[in-house]
Amino acid sequence: MKTANSRCPTCGRTAMHRVVRDVTTRRTGKAIVVKDVEVEECAHCGERLYDLTALRRLGDAQRRRSGRRPAA
């Protein structure tokens, strides 16, 4: 599904789409996979933009991995 008037900040094309992906992030060199993260992704260059909800999910996964409690 294409997002209206959404231009990629990297390549400048109007090719951004909202997709759901498994995202791999790293914490102290260890890979953490967060399933089903909704992101805006450029169909041309692959650039990904994360909204606040996605960033919170990634941060919470990193905190759980390091033994800290997720943010409230």
PDB file of N, CA and C in Angstrom:
ATOM      1  N   MET A   1       0.848  -1.164   0.000  1.00  0.00           N
ATOM      2  CA  MET A   1       0.000   0.000   0.000  1.00  0.00           C
ATOM      3  C   MET A   1       0.895   1.229   0.000  1.00  0.00           C
ATOM      4  N   LYS A   2       0.685   2.113  -0.911  1.00  0.00           N
ATOM      5  CA  LYS A   2       1.492   3.319  -1.044  1.00  0.00           C
ATOM      6  C   LYS A   2       0.950   4.418  -0.144  1.00  0.00           C
ATOM      7  N   THR A   3       1.868   5.134   0.484  1.00  0.00           N
ATOM      8  CA  THR A   3       1.484   6.254   1.330  1.00  0.00           C
ATOM      9  C   THR A   3       1.486   7.512   0.480  1.00  0.00           C
ATOM     10  N   ALA A   4       0.421   8.283   0.524  1.00  0.00           N
ATOM     11  CA  ALA A   4       0.280   9.472  -0.311  1.00  0.00           C
ATOM     12  C   ALA A   4       1.369  10.497  -0.032  1.00  0.00           C
ATOM     13  N   ASN A   5       1.976  11.040  -1.102  1.00  0.00           N
ATOM     14  CA  ASN A   5       2.967  12.115  -1.009  1.00  0.00           C
ATOM     15  C   ASN A   5       4.137  11.796  -0.088  1.00  0.00           C
ATOM     16  N   SER A   6       4.526  10.550  -0.031  1.00  0.00           N
ATOM     17  CA  SER A   6       5.626  10.170   0.833  1.00  0.00           C
ATOM     18  C   SER A   6       6.885   9.974  -0.004  1.00  0.00           C
ATOM     19  N   ARG A   7       7.794  10.923   0.134  1.00  0.00           N
ATOM     20  CA  ARG A   7       9.027  10.913  -0.642  1.00  0.00           C
ATOM     21  C   ARG A   7      10.163  10.369   0.221  1.00  0.00           C
ATOM     22  N   CYS A   8      10.976   9.502  -0.357  1.00  0.00           N
ATOM     23  CA  CYS A   8      12.102   8.909   0.357  1.00  0.00           C
ATOM     24  C   CYS A   8      13.151   9.980   0.651  1.00  0.00           C
ATOM     25  N   PRO A   9      13.609  10.084   1.902  1.00  0.00           N
ATOM     26  CA  PRO A   9      14.615  11.083   2.238  1.00  0.00           C
ATOM     27  C   PRO A   9      15.998  10.733   1.699  1.00  0.00           C
ATOM     28  N   THR A  10      16.213   9.481   1.294  1.00  0.00           N
ATOM     29  CA  THR A  10      17.521   9.056   0.801  1.00  0.00           C
ATOM     30  C   THR A  10      17.647   9.220  -0.709  1.00  0.00           C
ATOM     31  N   CYS A  11      16.697   8.652  -1.462  1.00  0.00           N
ATOM     32  CA  CYS A  11      16.814   8.691  -2.926  1.00  0.00           C
ATOM     33  C   CYS A  11      15.909   9.730  -3.572  1.00  0.00           C
ATOM     34  N   GLY A  12      14.946  10.283  -2.811  1.00  0.00           N
ATOM     35  CA  GLY A  12      14.086  11.339  -3.323  1.00  0.00           C
ATOM     36  C   GLY A  12      12.901  10.877  -4.141  1.00  0.00           C
ATOM     37  N   ARG A  13      12.756   9.589  -4.343  1.00  0.00           N
ATOM     38  CA  ARG A  13      11.623   9.093  -5.142  1.00  0.00           C
ATOM     39  C   ARG A  13      10.359   8.977  -4.291  1.00  0.00           C
ATOM     40  N   THR A  14       9.235   9.022  -4.957  1.00  0.00           N
ATOM     41  CA  THR A  14       7.955   8.820  -4.287  1.00  0.00           C
ATOM     42  C   THR A  14       7.673   7.326  -4.333  1.00  0.00           C
ATOM     43  N   ALA A  15       8.334   6.602  -3.442  1.00  0.00           N
ATOM     44  CA  ALA A  15       8.252   5.146  -3.472  1.00  0.00           C
ATOM     45  C   ALA A  15       8.101   4.538  -2.081  1.00  0.00           C
ATOM     46  N   MET A  16       7.657   5.337  -1.113  1.00  0.00           N
ATOM     47  CA  MET A  16       7.523   4.839   0.254  1.00  0.00           C
ATOM     48  C   MET A  16       6.222   4.049   0.410  1.00  0.00           C
ATOM     49  N   HIS A  17       6.323   2.898   1.064  1.00  0.00           N
ATOM     50  CA  HIS A  17       5.176   2.031   1.313  1.00  0.00           C
ATOM     51  C   HIS A  17       5.193   1.613   2.771  1.00  0.00           C
ATOM     52  N   ARG A  18       4.026   1.485   3.371  1.00  0.00           N
ATOM     53  CA  ARG A  18       3.929   0.968   4.735  1.00  0.00           C
ATOM     54  C   ARG A  18       3.930  -0.550   4.629  1.00  0.00           C
ATOM     55  N   VAL A  19       4.877  -1.185   5.321  1.00  0.00           N
ATOM     56  CA  VAL A  19       5.010  -2.639   5.292  1.00  0.00           C
ATOM     57  C   VAL A  19       5.227  -3.153   6.717  1.00  0.00           C
ATOM     58  N   VAL A  20       5.028  -4.440   6.893  1.00  0.00           N
ATOM     59  CA  VAL A  20       5.300  -5.100   8.166  1.00  0.00           C
ATOM     60  C   VAL A  20       6.469  -6.040   7.935  1.00  0.00           C
ATOM     61  N   ARG A  21       7.526  -5.875   8.728  1.00  0.00           N
ATOM     62  CA  ARG A  21       8.753  -6.642   8.567  1.00  0.00           C
ATOM     63  C   ARG A  21       9.235  -7.140   9.933  1.00  0.00           C
ATOM     64  N   ASP A  22      10.014  -8.217   9.907  1.00  0.00           N
ATOM     65  CA  ASP A  22      10.797  -8.602  11.072  1.00  0.00           C
ATOM     66  C   ASP A  22      12.055  -7.749  11.004  1.00  0.00           C
ATOM     67  N   VAL A  23      12.367  -7.052  12.088  1.00  0.00           N
ATOM     68  CA  VAL A  23      13.501  -6.130  12.109  1.00  0.00           C
ATOM     69  C   VAL A  23      14.568  -6.675  13.046  1.00  0.00           C
ATOM     70  N   THR A  24      15.805  -6.699  12.567  1.00  0.00           N
ATOM     71  CA  THR A  24      16.926  -7.128  13.391  1.00  0.00           C
ATOM     72  C   THR A  24      17.650  -5.895  13.909  1.00  0.00           C
ATOM     73  N   THR A  25      17.837  -5.845  15.213  1.00  0.00           N
ATOM     74  CA  THR A  25      18.568  -4.763  15.853  1.00  0.00           C
ATOM     75  C   THR A  25      19.682  -5.406  16.678  1.00  0.00           C
ATOM     76  N   ARG A  26      20.646  -4.637  17.091  1.00  0.00           N
ATOM     77  CA  ARG A  26      21.760  -5.208  17.861  1.00  0.00           C
ATOM     78  C   ARG A  26      21.901  -4.508  19.199  1.00  0.00           C
ATOM     79  N   ARG A  27      22.249  -5.287  20.182  1.00  0.00           N
ATOM     80  CA  ARG A  27      22.535  -4.770  21.522  1.00  0.00           C
ATOM     81  C   ARG A  27      23.806  -5.471  21.981  1.00  0.00           C
ATOM     82  N   THR A  28      24.833  -4.705  22.228  1.00  0.00           N
ATOM     83  CA  THR A  28      26.152  -5.225  22.619  1.00  0.00           C
ATOM     84  C   THR A  28      26.609  -6.357  21.709  1.00  0.00           C
ATOM     85  N   GLY A  29      26.406  -6.150  20.396  1.00  0.00           N
ATOM     86  CA  GLY A  29      26.879  -7.106  19.409  1.00  0.00           C
ATOM     87  C   GLY A  29      25.980  -8.311  19.182  1.00  0.00           C
ATOM     88  N   LYS A  30      24.921  -8.455  19.962  1.00  0.00           N
ATOM     89  CA  LYS A  30      24.013  -9.590  19.816  1.00  0.00           C
ATOM     90  C   LYS A  30      22.778  -9.173  19.035  1.00  0.00           C
ATOM     91  N   ALA A  31      22.416  -9.993  18.063  1.00  0.00           N
ATOM     92  CA  ALA A  31      21.254  -9.696  17.227  1.00  0.00           C
ATOM     93  C   ALA A  31      19.964  -9.978  17.990  1.00  0.00           C
ATOM     94  N   ILE A  32      19.008  -9.070  17.841  1.00  0.00           N
ATOM     95  CA  ILE A  32      17.679  -9.216  18.422  1.00  0.00           C
ATOM     96  C   ILE A  32      16.689  -9.047  17.275  1.00  0.00           C
ATOM     97  N   VAL A  33      15.828 -10.038  17.071  1.00  0.00           N
ATOM     98  CA  VAL A  33      14.821  -9.959  16.019  1.00  0.00           C
ATOM     99  C   VAL A  33      13.486  -9.579  16.650  1.00  0.00           C
ATOM    100  N   VAL A  34      12.895  -8.501  16.151  1.00  0.00           N
ATOM    101  CA  VAL A  34      11.582  -8.062  16.607  1.00  0.00           C
ATOM    102  C   VAL A  34      10.615  -8.343  15.459  1.00  0.00           C
ATOM    103  N   LYS A  35       9.640  -9.172  15.721  1.00  0.00           N
ATOM    104  CA  LYS A  35       8.710  -9.609  14.675  1.00  0.00           C
ATOM    105  C   LYS A  35       7.608  -8.584  14.422  1.00  0.00           C
ATOM    106  N   ASP A  36       7.183  -8.530  13.177  1.00  0.00           N
ATOM    107  CA  ASP A  36       6.005  -7.762  12.766  1.00  0.00           C
ATOM    108  C   ASP A  36       6.044  -6.283  13.163  1.00  0.00           C
ATOM    109  N   VAL A  37       7.096  -5.600  12.750  1.00  0.00           N
ATOM    110  CA  VAL A  37       7.231  -4.172  13.001  1.00  0.00           C
ATOM    111  C   VAL A  37       6.726  -3.429  11.763  1.00  0.00           C
ATOM    112  N   GLU A  38       5.830  -2.476  11.966  1.00  0.00           N
ATOM    113  CA  GLU A  38       5.295  -1.684  10.858  1.00  0.00           C
ATOM    114  C   GLU A  38       6.247  -0.520  10.584  1.00  0.00           C
ATOM    115  N   VAL A  39       6.718  -0.429   9.327  1.00  0.00           N
ATOM    116  CA  VAL A  39       7.668   0.611   8.932  1.00  0.00           C
ATOM    117  C   VAL A  39       7.264   1.196   7.585  1.00  0.00           C
ATOM    118  N   GLU A  40       7.800   2.377   7.277  1.00  0.00           N
ATOM    119  CA  GLU A  40       7.697   2.949   5.937  1.00  0.00           C
ATOM    120  C   GLU A  40       8.981   2.536   5.224  1.00  0.00           C
ATOM    121  N   GLU A  41       8.851   1.916   4.065  1.00  0.00           N
ATOM    122  CA  GLU A  41      10.023   1.412   3.353  1.00  0.00           C
ATOM    123  C   GLU A  41      10.004   1.872   1.896  1.00  0.00           C
ATOM    124  N   CYS A  42      11.160   2.307   1.405  1.00  0.00           N
ATOM    125  CA  CYS A  42      11.275   2.743   0.023  1.00  0.00           C
ATOM    126  C   CYS A  42      11.409   1.521  -0.885  1.00  0.00           C
ATOM    127  N   ALA A  43      10.534   1.433  -1.859  1.00  0.00           N
ATOM    128  CA  ALA A  43      10.571   0.328  -2.807  1.00  0.00           C
ATOM    129  C   ALA A  43      11.782   0.419  -3.732  1.00  0.00           C
ATOM    130  N   HIS A  44      12.371   1.594  -3.842  1.00  0.00           N
ATOM    131  CA  HIS A  44      13.516   1.772  -4.741  1.00  0.00           C
ATOM    132  C   HIS A  44      14.852   1.475  -4.057  1.00  0.00           C
ATOM    133  N   CYS A  45      15.121   2.116  -2.921  1.00  0.00           N
ATOM    134  CA  CYS A  45      16.450   1.979  -2.299  1.00  0.00           C
ATOM    135  C   CYS A  45      16.455   1.184  -0.993  1.00  0.00           C
ATOM    136  N   GLY A  46      15.272   0.878  -0.443  1.00  0.00           N
ATOM    137  CA  GLY A  46      15.204   0.073   0.775  1.00  0.00           C
ATOM    138  C   GLY A  46      15.281   0.858   2.078  1.00  0.00           C
ATOM    139  N   GLU A  47      15.401   2.186   1.997  1.00  0.00           N
ATOM    140  CA  GLU A  47      15.437   3.007   3.214  1.00  0.00           C
ATOM    141  C   GLU A  47      14.202   2.730   4.058  1.00  0.00           C
ATOM    142  N   ARG A  48      14.381   2.641   5.374  1.00  0.00           N
ATOM    143  CA  ARG A  48      13.258   2.409   6.290  1.00  0.00           C
ATOM    144  C   ARG A  48      13.113   3.579   7.247  1.00  0.00           C
ATOM    145  N   LEU A  49      11.870   3.981   7.480  1.00  0.00           N
ATOM    146  CA  LEU A  49      11.542   5.022   8.448  1.00  0.00           C
ATOM    147  C   LEU A  49      10.663   4.383   9.512  1.00  0.00           C
ATOM    148  N   TYR A  50      11.031   4.607  10.773  1.00  0.00           N
ATOM    149  CA  TYR A  50      10.323   4.008  11.899  1.00  0.00           C
ATOM    150  C   TYR A  50       9.527   5.075  12.634  1.00  0.00           C
ATOM    151  N   ASP A  51       8.258   4.774  12.934  1.00  0.00           N
ATOM    152  CA  ASP A  51       7.468   5.713  13.728  1.00  0.00           C
ATOM    153  C   ASP A  51       7.751   5.474  15.210  1.00  0.00           C
ATOM    154  N   LEU A  52       7.158   6.275  16.061  1.00  0.00           N
ATOM    155  CA  LEU A  52       7.424   6.200  17.495  1.00  0.00           C
ATOM    156  C   LEU A  52       7.066   4.837  18.072  1.00  0.00           C
ATOM    157  N   THR A  53       5.968   4.251  17.635  1.00  0.00           N
ATOM    158  CA  THR A  53       5.558   2.936  18.130  1.00  0.00           C
ATOM    159  C   THR A  53       6.599   1.880  17.798  1.00  0.00           C
ATOM    160  N   ALA A  54       7.104   1.895  16.571  1.00  0.00           N
ATOM    161  CA  ALA A  54       8.124   0.931  16.160  1.00  0.00           C
ATOM    162  C   ALA A  54       9.406   1.127  16.958  1.00  0.00           C
ATOM    163  N   LEU A  55       9.814   2.372  17.153  1.00  0.00           N
ATOM    164  CA  LEU A  55      11.033   2.647  17.914  1.00  0.00           C
ATOM    165  C   LEU A  55      10.898   2.180  19.363  1.00  0.00           C
ATOM    166  N   ARG A  56       9.728   2.347  19.934  1.00  0.00           N
ATOM    167  CA  ARG A  56       9.502   1.866  21.306  1.00  0.00           C
ATOM    168  C   ARG A  56       9.609   0.347  21.376  1.00  0.00           C
ATOM    169  N   ARG A  57       9.024  -0.338  20.402  1.00  0.00           N
ATOM    170  CA  ARG A  57       9.107  -1.800  20.381  1.00  0.00           C
ATOM    171  C   ARG A  57      10.553  -2.266  20.273  1.00  0.00           C
ATOM    172  N   LEU A  58      11.341  -1.611  19.427  1.00  0.00           N
ATOM    173  CA  LEU A  58      12.743  -1.983  19.273  1.00  0.00           C
ATOM    174  C   LEU A  58      13.519  -1.707  20.561  1.00  0.00           C
ATOM    175  N   GLY A  59      13.290  -0.549  21.170  1.00  0.00           N
ATOM    176  CA  GLY A  59      13.961  -0.207  22.420  1.00  0.00           C
ATOM    177  C   GLY A  59      13.581  -1.153  23.553  1.00  0.00           C
ATOM    178  N   ASP A  60      12.301  -1.508  23.643  1.00  0.00           N
ATOM    179  CA  ASP A  60      11.849  -2.445  24.675  1.00  0.00           C
ATOM    180  C   ASP A  60      12.517  -3.804  24.507  1.00  0.00           C
ATOM    181  N   ALA A  61      12.644  -4.264  23.270  1.00  0.00           N
ATOM    182  CA  ALA A  61      13.304  -5.550  23.011  1.00  0.00           C
ATOM    183  C   ALA A  61      14.774  -5.497  23.436  1.00  0.00           C
ATOM    184  N   GLN A  62      15.430  -4.379  23.170  1.00  0.00           N
ATOM    185  CA  GLN A  62      16.827  -4.233  23.584  1.00  0.00           C
ATOM    186  C   GLN A  62      16.948  -4.213  25.106  1.00  0.00           C
ATOM    187  N   ARG A  63      16.049  -3.513  25.781  1.00  0.00           N
ATOM    188  CA  ARG A  63      16.091  -3.455  27.243  1.00  0.00           C
ATOM    189  C   ARG A  63      15.821  -4.836  27.860  1.00  0.00           C
ATOM    190  N   ARG A  64      14.852  -5.573  27.310  1.00  0.00           N
ATOM    191  CA  ARG A  64      14.577  -6.923  27.820  1.00  0.00           C
ATOM    192  C   ARG A  64      15.805  -7.808  27.656  1.00  0.00           C
ATOM    193  N   ARG A  65      16.469  -7.680  26.521  1.00  0.00           N
ATOM    194  CA  ARG A  65      17.658  -8.489  26.242  1.00  0.00           C
ATOM    195  C   ARG A  65      18.775  -8.194  27.241  1.00  0.00           C
ATOM    196  N   SER A  66      18.880  -6.946  27.662  1.00  0.00           N
ATOM    197  CA  SER A  66      19.946  -6.575  28.595  1.00  0.00           C
ATOM    198  C   SER A  66      19.529  -6.745  30.053  1.00  0.00           C
ATOM    199  N   GLY A  67      18.290  -7.252  30.283  1.00  0.00           N
ATOM    200  CA  GLY A  67      17.839  -7.517  31.641  1.00  0.00           C
ATOM    201  C   GLY A  67      17.166  -6.340  32.313  1.00  0.00           C
ATOM    202  N   ARG A  68      16.972  -5.250  31.583  1.00  0.00           N
ATOM    203  CA  ARG A  68      16.283  -4.085  32.150  1.00  0.00           C
ATOM    204  C   ARG A  68      14.811  -4.156  31.794  1.00  0.00           C
ATOM    205  N   ARG A  69      14.004  -3.440  32.567  1.00  0.00           N
ATOM    206  CA  ARG A  69      12.564  -3.412  32.303  1.00  0.00           C
ATOM    207  C   ARG A  69      12.262  -2.527  31.114  1.00  0.00           C
ATOM    208  N   PRO A  70      11.275  -2.923  30.281  1.00  0.00           N
ATOM    209  CA  PRO A  70      10.836  -2.050  29.174  1.00  0.00           C
ATOM    210  C   PRO A  70      10.291  -0.736  29.694  1.00  0.00           C
ATOM    211  N   ALA A  71      10.340   0.291  28.878  1.00  0.00           N
ATOM    212  CA  ALA A  71       9.821   1.612  29.252  1.00  0.00           C
ATOM    213  C   ALA A  71       8.322   1.526  29.499  1.00  0.00           C
ATOM    214  N   ALA A  72       7.843   2.342  30.406  1.00  0.00           N
ATOM    215  CA  ALA A  72       6.406   2.338  30.744  1.00  0.00           C
ATOM    216  C   ALA A  72       5.594   3.065  29.711  1.00  0.00           C
TER     217      ALA A  72
END
